[in-house]
Amino acid sequence: MSYLSRQLVTAALTANALRPVPAYRAGIPAMVAGWLTSELAPHLAALTAADAARELRRERPRRAAVALAGGSLAGMAALVTQSAQAKGHVDRALVEGLGDDYRERLAARHTDVDLSTPLRQLAMPFRMADQSVEIIRDLSYADDHGKRGRLDVYRPRRRTTAAPVLLQVHGGAWSIGDKEHQGIPLMLHMAARGWVCVAINYRLSPREAFPAHLVDVKRAVAWIREHGASYGADPDFVAVTGGSAGGHLAALAALTPNEPEYQPGFEDADTTLQAAAPHYGVYDFAGATGTRKARLMRDEFLGPRVMFKDPRAELEAFEKASPLLRVSADAPPFLVVHGRHDTLVEVTQARAFVEALRGTSRQPVVYAELPGAQHAFDVFPSIRSAHVVRGVDRFLRFTHDAWLEQRQRSGGAR
């Protein structure tokens, strides 16, 4: 590929990351290109600068192409600035949702609340490992589902007892994905700080129709309640997180505790969740927000590929599957994270969901809307995702502390 061709491609990628193509049918390619460009902007900028320097050493440099590279570098600088601003956006969201003194209250209990960006980790974002964390893979929580009924446990190598639990639910449009592909930065971070994290597979469409996915999430919660103590966990405190389809399932699981319909064969299990931190989730299966994208997603994808139902004839099933329409006063504390540039799940859904929570729930609701962020921004370590991971850490620890205080006031009863 010629130097000019490389710079044309780079300029197109940068422009899409700054202003992604908004059309529904362009959502996936716009997301993939924008996500990688935004989160890897420092790396792409370094390559572009090196390429321009090499071109300028030529006897007759192609100055128009070099100027194009300069424009791309300016755009990448804006992307890096947006990523760095996530720190302030997340902290302001936590202040708004938890109170002006939330940091002081955390500092009274914890000495390792980390606000810094791990530059060495960001330099090699696809090397995700932490020697202080032990991973136990492929434990079965649903014997009759084969690989889809297995989970991984992330726990600190220095064994602790009664550690709070974070349940990670992968995304992938309810039809693809694996427990080893998402949520790794957050789970490694939390496990290194004493938490036990559980990442699950679950049954997928089109082989299985919804609510099989949700049933499996609840079955995993029941497994944690029964077996978590054997892995150093306190099964009384389980928080849930996940992105995209995983964000939908995490939110819906948190809002439908102990509903027999979603617990066939284990109706007596306690599937309450003590906190939820969904990322870029789908909260509107029914098209209740009224946007064109929500209706197209319902009619062209969710209906035929996930629900196996016609929303025109069975809208109630879509409403029951919508976290937006399942909000109640008993919802646990929520941290909702969404990117303003998300082309797969428009930010309107997150805003409506948060508004419904804040109008109904008795618990704290934190909303971090991230300028410049695309879908799946947290799959690997980046400037933005590092700040979000640390914000989720603060939210989870604050929520766990409040839960411990409540349990102590009530004499240790759940």
Protein backbone atom coordinates (compact mmCIF):
# COMPACT_ATOMS: atom_id res chain seq x y z
CA MET A 1 0.00 0.00 0.00
CA SER A 2 1.40 3.41 -0.95
CA TYR A 3 2.04 6.14 1.59
CA LEU A 4 -0.88 8.18 0.23
CA SER A 5 -3.22 5.18 0.48
CA ARG A 6 -2.16 4.57 4.06
CA GLN A 7 -2.87 8.17 4.98
CA LEU A 8 -6.25 8.13 3.27
CA VAL A 9 -7.25 5.05 5.27
CA THR A 10 -5.90 6.57 8.48
CA ALA A 11 -7.78 9.81 7.86
CA ALA A 12 -11.02 7.92 7.23
CA LEU A 13 -10.60 5.89 10.42
CA THR A 14 -9.87 9.01 12.45
CA ALA A 15 -12.83 10.89 11.00
CA ASN A 16 -15.18 7.97 11.78
CA ALA A 17 -13.86 7.77 15.35
CA LEU A 18 -14.47 11.50 15.83
CA ARG A 19 -17.87 11.49 14.11
CA PRO A 20 -19.08 7.93 13.54
CA VAL A 21 -21.51 7.13 10.76
CA PRO A 22 -24.93 7.32 12.47
CA ALA A 23 -26.99 5.08 10.17
CA TYR A 24 -28.45 1.91 11.72
CA ARG A 25 -27.15 -0.41 9.00
CA ALA A 26 -23.67 1.08 9.21
CA GLY A 27 -23.57 0.56 12.97
CA ILE A 28 -21.37 -2.54 13.06
CA PRO A 29 -18.59 -1.39 10.69
CA ALA A 30 -18.66 2.09 12.19
CA MET A 31 -18.35 0.56 15.66
CA VAL A 32 -15.49 -1.81 14.84
CA ALA A 33 -13.46 0.86 13.07
CA GLY A 34 -14.25 3.59 15.59
CA TRP A 35 -13.71 1.41 18.66
CA LEU A 36 -10.23 0.26 17.63
CA THR A 37 -9.17 3.70 16.41
CA SER A 38 -10.40 5.47 19.56
CA GLU A 39 -8.94 3.06 22.09
CA LEU A 40 -5.66 2.59 20.19
CA ALA A 41 -5.28 6.25 19.20
CA PRO A 42 -1.88 6.66 20.94
CA HIS A 43 -0.49 3.64 19.13
CA LEU A 44 -1.92 4.71 15.78
CA ALA A 45 -0.57 8.23 16.30
CA ALA A 46 2.92 6.90 16.95
CA LEU A 47 2.82 4.80 13.77
CA THR A 48 1.45 7.72 11.74
CA ALA A 49 4.14 10.09 13.03
CA ALA A 50 6.90 7.55 12.30
CA ASP A 51 5.50 6.99 8.81
CA ALA A 52 5.40 10.76 8.16
CA ALA A 53 8.98 11.18 9.40
CA ARG A 54 10.17 8.45 7.06
CA GLU A 55 8.31 10.08 4.16
CA LEU A 56 9.88 13.47 4.90
CA ARG A 57 13.34 11.92 4.62
CA ARG A 58 12.66 11.05 0.99
CA GLU A 59 14.24 13.20 -1.68
CA ARG A 60 10.79 14.23 -2.90
CA PRO A 61 8.30 13.72 -0.09
CA ARG A 62 4.63 13.68 -1.02
CA ARG A 63 3.74 16.79 0.89
CA ALA A 64 -0.02 16.55 0.35
CA ALA A 65 0.01 13.09 1.96
CA VAL A 66 2.18 14.37 4.81
CA ALA A 67 -0.29 17.21 5.36
CA LEU A 68 -3.10 14.63 5.45
CA ALA A 69 -1.12 12.73 8.08
CA GLY A 70 -0.82 15.95 10.07
CA GLY A 71 -4.58 16.34 10.03
CA SER A 72 -5.01 12.75 11.20
CA LEU A 73 -2.53 13.35 14.02
CA ALA A 74 -4.54 16.36 15.16
CA GLY A 75 -7.65 14.21 15.16
CA MET A 76 -5.89 11.48 17.12
CA ALA A 77 -4.75 14.05 19.66
CA ALA A 78 -8.41 14.97 20.14
CA LEU A 79 -9.27 11.28 20.60
CA VAL A 80 -6.56 10.87 23.24
CA THR A 81 -7.80 13.99 25.02
CA GLN A 82 -11.35 12.62 25.06
CA SER A 83 -10.08 9.31 26.45
CA ALA A 84 -8.18 11.06 29.24
CA GLN A 85 -11.27 13.09 30.13
CA ALA A 86 -13.04 9.85 31.09
CA LYS A 87 -11.35 10.14 34.49
CA GLY A 88 -13.17 13.37 35.26
CA HIS A 89 -16.47 12.19 33.82
CA VAL A 90 -16.42 9.01 35.89
CA ASP A 91 -15.45 10.81 39.09
CA ARG A 92 -18.15 13.46 38.64
CA ALA A 93 -20.69 10.70 38.05
CA LEU A 94 -19.64 9.00 41.28
CA VAL A 95 -19.87 12.27 43.20
CA GLU A 96 -23.34 12.90 41.79
CA GLY A 97 -24.55 9.39 42.59
CA LEU A 98 -22.74 8.60 45.84
CA GLY A 99 -22.15 11.99 47.42
CA ASP A 100 -19.44 14.65 47.61
CA ASP A 101 -17.66 12.74 50.36
CA TYR A 102 -17.53 9.34 48.68
CA ARG A 103 -13.73 9.43 48.30
CA GLU A 104 -13.22 10.29 51.97
CA ARG A 105 -15.53 7.46 53.00
CA LEU A 106 -13.59 5.05 50.81
CA ALA A 107 -10.25 6.26 52.16
CA ALA A 108 -11.43 5.55 55.70
CA ARG A 109 -11.57 1.82 54.85
CA HIS A 110 -9.20 1.30 51.92
CA THR A 111 -5.59 2.26 51.34
CA ASP A 112 -5.28 0.92 47.78
CA VAL A 113 -7.90 2.91 45.86
CA ASP A 114 -6.05 3.43 42.57
CA LEU A 115 -6.67 6.53 40.48
CA SER A 116 -3.55 6.37 38.30
CA THR A 117 -3.28 5.13 34.72
CA PRO A 118 -0.99 2.08 34.31
CA LEU A 119 1.14 3.31 31.41
CA ARG A 120 3.10 0.07 31.02
CA GLN A 121 -0.11 -1.91 30.67
CA LEU A 122 -1.45 0.58 28.12
CA ALA A 123 1.67 0.26 25.98
CA MET A 124 0.91 -3.42 25.35
CA PRO A 125 -2.88 -3.58 25.73
CA PHE A 126 -3.39 -7.14 24.53
CA ARG A 127 -1.14 -8.68 27.17
CA MET A 128 -3.64 -9.01 29.97
CA ALA A 129 -2.25 -10.85 32.96
CA ASP A 130 -1.61 -10.31 36.65
CA GLN A 131 0.65 -12.65 38.58
CA SER A 132 -1.21 -11.89 41.79
CA VAL A 133 -4.41 -13.40 40.36
CA GLU A 134 -5.19 -17.11 40.10
CA ILE A 135 -7.65 -18.27 37.42
CA ILE A 136 -9.58 -21.51 37.84
CA ARG A 137 -11.10 -22.37 34.48
CA ASP A 138 -14.07 -24.32 33.20
CA LEU A 139 -15.96 -25.14 36.35
CA SER A 140 -19.42 -26.46 35.55
CA TYR A 141 -22.44 -24.63 36.92
CA ALA A 142 -24.96 -26.27 34.53
CA ASP A 143 -23.94 -29.81 33.62
CA ASP A 144 -26.56 -30.18 30.90
CA HIS A 145 -25.24 -27.24 28.82
CA GLY A 146 -21.71 -28.45 28.09
CA LYS A 147 -19.26 -25.63 27.36
CA ARG A 148 -22.01 -23.04 27.63
CA GLY A 149 -22.62 -24.06 31.25
CA ARG A 150 -19.07 -23.40 32.46
CA LEU A 151 -17.46 -20.56 34.35
CA ASP A 152 -14.04 -19.25 35.34
CA VAL A 153 -13.10 -18.01 38.80
CA TYR A 154 -10.56 -15.19 39.23
CA ARG A 155 -9.28 -14.87 42.79
CA PRO A 156 -6.25 -13.43 44.58
CA ARG A 157 -3.38 -15.87 45.00
CA ARG A 158 -3.09 -14.70 48.58
CA ARG A 159 -6.19 -16.45 49.77
CA THR A 160 -8.82 -14.48 51.56
CA THR A 161 -12.10 -15.50 53.06
CA ALA A 162 -15.49 -13.91 52.65
CA ALA A 163 -14.45 -11.84 49.61
CA PRO A 164 -17.22 -10.02 47.75
CA VAL A 165 -18.09 -11.43 44.34
CA LEU A 166 -18.29 -9.80 40.92
CA LEU A 167 -20.16 -11.79 38.26
CA GLN A 168 -19.12 -10.96 34.67
CA VAL A 169 -21.55 -11.66 31.79
CA HIS A 170 -20.04 -11.45 28.31
CA GLY A 171 -21.70 -9.73 25.37
CA GLY A 172 -21.99 -10.73 21.75
CA ALA A 173 -25.56 -10.04 20.61
CA TRP A 174 -26.87 -13.00 22.65
CA SER A 175 -25.48 -15.21 19.88
CA ILE A 176 -21.66 -15.22 20.08
CA GLY A 177 -18.98 -14.60 22.69
CA ASP A 178 -17.09 -16.39 25.41
CA LYS A 179 -16.22 -15.88 29.06
CA GLU A 180 -12.53 -15.45 28.20
CA HIS A 181 -13.03 -12.56 25.78
CA GLN A 182 -14.58 -9.71 27.77
CA GLY A 183 -14.33 -8.05 31.16
CA ILE A 184 -10.75 -9.22 31.69
CA PRO A 185 -9.22 -5.85 32.69
CA LEU A 186 -11.92 -5.27 35.30
CA MET A 187 -11.78 -8.81 36.72
CA LEU A 188 -7.99 -8.80 36.99
CA HIS A 189 -8.13 -5.43 38.70
CA MET A 190 -10.79 -6.47 41.21
CA ALA A 191 -9.27 -9.90 41.92
CA ALA A 192 -5.89 -8.29 42.58
CA ARG A 193 -7.65 -6.19 45.21
CA GLY A 194 -9.23 -9.08 47.05
CA TRP A 195 -12.47 -9.75 45.18
CA VAL A 196 -13.54 -13.07 43.71
CA CYS A 197 -14.69 -12.65 40.10
CA VAL A 198 -16.74 -15.18 38.18
CA ALA A 199 -16.99 -15.09 34.36
CA ILE A 200 -19.66 -17.26 32.78
CA ASN A 201 -20.63 -18.74 29.47
CA TYR A 202 -24.34 -19.06 28.81
CA ARG A 203 -26.58 -20.58 26.16
CA LEU A 204 -26.73 -18.62 22.91
CA SER A 205 -29.19 -17.84 20.15
CA PRO A 206 -30.28 -18.92 17.62
CA ARG A 207 -30.01 -22.37 19.21
CA GLU A 208 -31.80 -21.07 22.30
CA ALA A 209 -34.45 -18.39 22.55
CA PHE A 210 -34.56 -15.77 25.27
CA PRO A 211 -34.95 -16.09 28.28
CA ALA A 212 -32.53 -19.07 28.27
CA HIS A 213 -29.64 -16.56 28.52
CA LEU A 214 -31.14 -14.94 31.61
CA VAL A 215 -31.95 -18.29 33.20
CA ASP A 216 -28.27 -19.22 32.93
CA VAL A 217 -27.15 -15.97 34.56
CA LYS A 218 -29.47 -16.72 37.47
CA ARG A 219 -28.29 -20.31 37.62
CA ALA A 220 -24.73 -18.97 37.93
CA VAL A 221 -25.83 -16.74 40.82
CA ALA A 222 -27.34 -19.81 42.49
CA TRP A 223 -24.04 -21.67 41.94
CA ILE A 224 -22.12 -18.83 43.61
CA ARG A 225 -24.49 -18.89 46.57
CA GLU A 226 -23.98 -22.64 46.96
CA HIS A 227 -20.29 -23.05 46.08
CA GLY A 228 -18.71 -19.59 46.32
CA ALA A 229 -17.40 -20.05 49.86
CA SER A 230 -15.24 -22.93 48.63
CA TYR A 231 -13.34 -20.40 46.48
CA GLY A 232 -12.91 -17.78 49.18
CA ALA A 233 -16.05 -15.81 48.39
CA ASP A 234 -18.74 -14.33 50.55
CA PRO A 235 -21.79 -15.59 48.62
CA ASP A 236 -24.02 -13.11 50.40
CA PHE A 237 -22.64 -10.22 48.32
CA VAL A 238 -22.76 -10.67 44.56
CA ALA A 239 -22.48 -7.76 42.14
CA VAL A 240 -23.01 -8.20 38.41
CA THR A 241 -21.48 -6.54 35.36
CA GLY A 242 -21.32 -7.07 31.63
CA GLY A 243 -21.28 -5.23 28.33
CA SER A 244 -23.77 -4.98 25.48
CA ALA A 245 -25.91 -8.15 25.59
CA GLY A 246 -24.10 -8.87 28.85
CA GLY A 247 -25.11 -5.42 30.09
CA HIS A 248 -28.72 -6.23 29.24
CA LEU A 249 -28.56 -9.56 31.07
CA ALA A 250 -26.76 -8.05 34.06
CA ALA A 251 -29.34 -5.28 34.41
CA LEU A 252 -32.30 -7.61 33.94
CA ALA A 253 -30.94 -10.16 36.40
CA ALA A 254 -30.52 -7.40 38.99
CA LEU A 255 -34.10 -6.22 38.44
CA THR A 256 -35.84 -9.62 38.52
CA PRO A 257 -34.62 -11.33 41.70
CA ASN A 258 -36.13 -14.71 42.56
CA GLU A 259 -38.71 -14.66 39.76
CA PRO A 260 -39.76 -18.32 39.33
CA GLU A 261 -40.26 -17.91 35.58
CA TYR A 262 -36.53 -17.37 35.18
CA GLN A 263 -35.48 -20.07 37.66
CA PRO A 264 -36.97 -23.33 36.33
CA GLY A 265 -35.88 -26.19 38.53
CA PHE A 266 -34.16 -23.93 41.06
CA GLU A 267 -37.05 -21.73 42.10
CA ASP A 268 -36.00 -21.71 45.76
CA ALA A 269 -32.50 -20.37 45.06
CA ASP A 270 -31.74 -16.82 46.15
CA THR A 271 -30.78 -14.88 43.01
CA THR A 272 -30.84 -11.38 44.47
CA LEU A 273 -27.91 -9.20 43.44
CA GLN A 274 -26.40 -6.53 45.65
CA ALA A 275 -25.12 -4.18 42.91
CA ALA A 276 -25.05 -3.87 39.12
CA ALA A 277 -22.61 -2.14 36.77
CA PRO A 278 -23.81 -2.69 33.18
CA HIS A 279 -21.75 -1.23 30.34
CA TYR A 280 -23.30 -0.07 27.04
CA GLY A 281 -26.26 -2.37 27.62
CA VAL A 282 -29.46 -2.84 25.62
CA TYR A 283 -32.20 -1.67 27.95
CA ASP A 284 -35.11 -1.35 25.52
CA PHE A 285 -36.24 -4.57 23.83
CA ALA A 286 -39.74 -3.21 23.25
CA GLY A 287 -38.97 0.04 21.43
CA ALA A 288 -40.41 2.00 24.34
CA THR A 289 -37.93 4.84 23.83
CA GLY A 290 -39.58 5.42 20.46
CA THR A 291 -36.39 5.84 18.48
CA ARG A 292 -36.01 4.42 15.00
CA LYS A 293 -32.90 2.44 15.95
CA ALA A 294 -34.64 0.80 18.90
CA ARG A 295 -37.57 -0.24 16.72
CA LEU A 296 -35.30 -1.59 13.98
CA MET A 297 -33.28 -3.56 16.52
CA ARG A 298 -36.52 -5.00 17.93
CA ASP A 299 -38.11 -5.85 14.59
CA GLU A 300 -35.09 -6.93 12.53
CA PHE A 301 -32.85 -8.57 15.11
CA LEU A 302 -34.28 -9.18 18.57
CA GLY A 303 -37.58 -10.56 17.33
CA PRO A 304 -36.38 -13.07 14.72
CA ARG A 305 -32.93 -13.88 16.15
CA VAL A 306 -33.18 -13.72 19.96
CA MET A 307 -36.81 -13.81 21.10
CA PHE A 308 -38.24 -15.89 18.22
CA LYS A 309 -41.38 -13.78 18.51
CA ASP A 310 -43.18 -11.15 16.47
CA PRO A 311 -43.27 -7.91 18.48
CA ARG A 312 -46.47 -6.85 16.72
CA ALA A 313 -48.26 -9.90 18.11
CA GLU A 314 -46.39 -10.49 21.39
CA LEU A 315 -45.13 -7.10 22.52
CA GLU A 316 -45.57 -8.02 26.18
CA ALA A 317 -42.71 -10.54 25.94
CA PHE A 318 -40.41 -7.77 24.69
CA GLU A 319 -41.54 -5.48 27.49
CA LYS A 320 -40.75 -8.15 30.09
CA ALA A 321 -37.28 -8.49 28.56
CA SER A 322 -36.62 -4.73 28.78
CA PRO A 323 -34.72 -3.55 31.87
CA LEU A 324 -36.13 -0.09 31.15
CA LEU A 325 -39.62 -1.40 31.90
CA ARG A 326 -38.68 -3.61 34.87
CA VAL A 327 -37.37 -0.91 37.18
CA SER A 328 -38.71 -0.96 40.73
CA ALA A 329 -38.07 0.68 44.09
CA ASP A 330 -36.21 -2.48 45.15
CA ALA A 331 -33.52 -2.20 42.46
CA PRO A 332 -29.98 -2.55 43.84
CA PRO A 333 -27.38 0.20 43.45
CA PHE A 334 -26.55 0.76 39.78
CA LEU A 335 -23.57 2.16 37.90
CA VAL A 336 -24.53 2.59 34.23
CA VAL A 337 -21.71 3.31 31.75
CA HIS A 338 -22.32 4.23 28.12
CA GLY A 339 -20.40 5.87 25.29
CA ARG A 340 -21.87 8.90 23.58
CA HIS A 341 -20.56 7.68 20.21
CA ASP A 342 -22.01 4.17 20.52
CA THR A 343 -23.34 3.22 17.07
CA LEU A 344 -24.68 -0.22 18.06
CA VAL A 345 -26.74 0.74 21.11
CA GLU A 346 -27.64 4.39 21.07
CA VAL A 347 -26.99 6.34 24.23
CA THR A 348 -30.70 7.27 24.36
CA GLN A 349 -31.40 3.84 25.88
CA ALA A 350 -28.97 4.39 28.74
CA ARG A 351 -30.35 7.86 29.44
CA ALA A 352 -33.92 6.58 29.57
CA PHE A 353 -32.93 3.67 31.79
CA VAL A 354 -31.09 5.91 34.24
CA GLU A 355 -34.00 8.34 34.34
CA ALA A 356 -36.35 5.47 35.18
CA LEU A 357 -34.02 4.19 37.90
CA ARG A 358 -33.56 7.60 39.47
CA GLY A 359 -37.28 8.15 39.50
CA THR A 360 -38.07 4.85 41.19
CA SER A 361 -35.15 3.14 42.97
CA ARG A 362 -34.37 3.74 46.62
CA GLN A 363 -30.68 2.97 46.03
CA PRO A 364 -27.89 5.08 44.49
CA VAL A 365 -27.81 5.39 40.71
CA VAL A 366 -24.55 6.48 39.08
CA TYR A 367 -24.44 7.33 35.38
CA ALA A 368 -21.18 7.86 33.51
CA GLU A 369 -21.72 8.97 29.91
CA LEU A 370 -18.39 9.06 28.10
CA PRO A 371 -17.83 11.52 25.23
CA GLY A 372 -16.08 9.91 22.28
CA ALA A 373 -16.55 6.35 23.53
CA GLN A 374 -17.77 3.67 21.16
CA HIS A 375 -19.33 0.30 21.94
CA ALA A 376 -16.99 -2.27 23.55
CA PHE A 377 -14.48 0.38 24.64
CA ASP A 378 -13.43 -1.70 27.67
CA VAL A 379 -12.47 -5.00 26.00
CA PHE A 380 -8.75 -4.34 26.43
CA PRO A 381 -6.77 -1.83 28.53
CA SER A 382 -6.78 1.70 27.12
CA ILE A 383 -6.62 5.18 28.59
CA ARG A 384 -10.40 5.35 28.74
CA SER A 385 -11.05 1.82 29.93
CA ALA A 386 -8.40 2.14 32.66
CA HIS A 387 -10.27 5.11 34.13
CA VAL A 388 -13.59 3.28 33.88
CA VAL A 389 -12.17 0.17 35.57
CA ARG A 390 -10.97 2.29 38.46
CA GLY A 391 -14.33 4.03 38.66
CA VAL A 392 -16.17 0.70 38.76
CA ASP A 393 -13.76 -0.38 41.50
CA ARG A 394 -14.67 2.67 43.59
CA PHE A 395 -18.39 2.13 43.02
CA LEU A 396 -18.24 -1.56 43.96
CA ARG A 397 -16.17 -0.99 47.07
CA PHE A 398 -18.36 1.89 48.21
CA THR A 399 -21.46 -0.24 47.68
CA HIS A 400 -19.95 -3.21 49.47
CA ASP A 401 -18.93 -1.02 52.40
CA ALA A 402 -22.48 0.33 52.67
CA TRP A 403 -23.85 -3.22 52.52
CA LEU A 404 -21.48 -4.34 55.30
CA GLU A 405 -22.56 -1.41 57.47
CA GLN A 406 -26.21 -2.29 56.90
CA ARG A 407 -25.58 -5.94 57.76
CA GLN A 408 -23.81 -4.97 60.96
CA ARG A 409 -26.70 -2.72 61.96
CA SER A 410 -29.13 -5.56 61.38
CA GLY A 411 -27.09 -7.97 63.49
CA GLY A 412 -25.49 -9.92 60.64
CA ALA A 413 -28.74 -11.00 59.01
CA ARG A 414 -29.00 -10.86 55.24
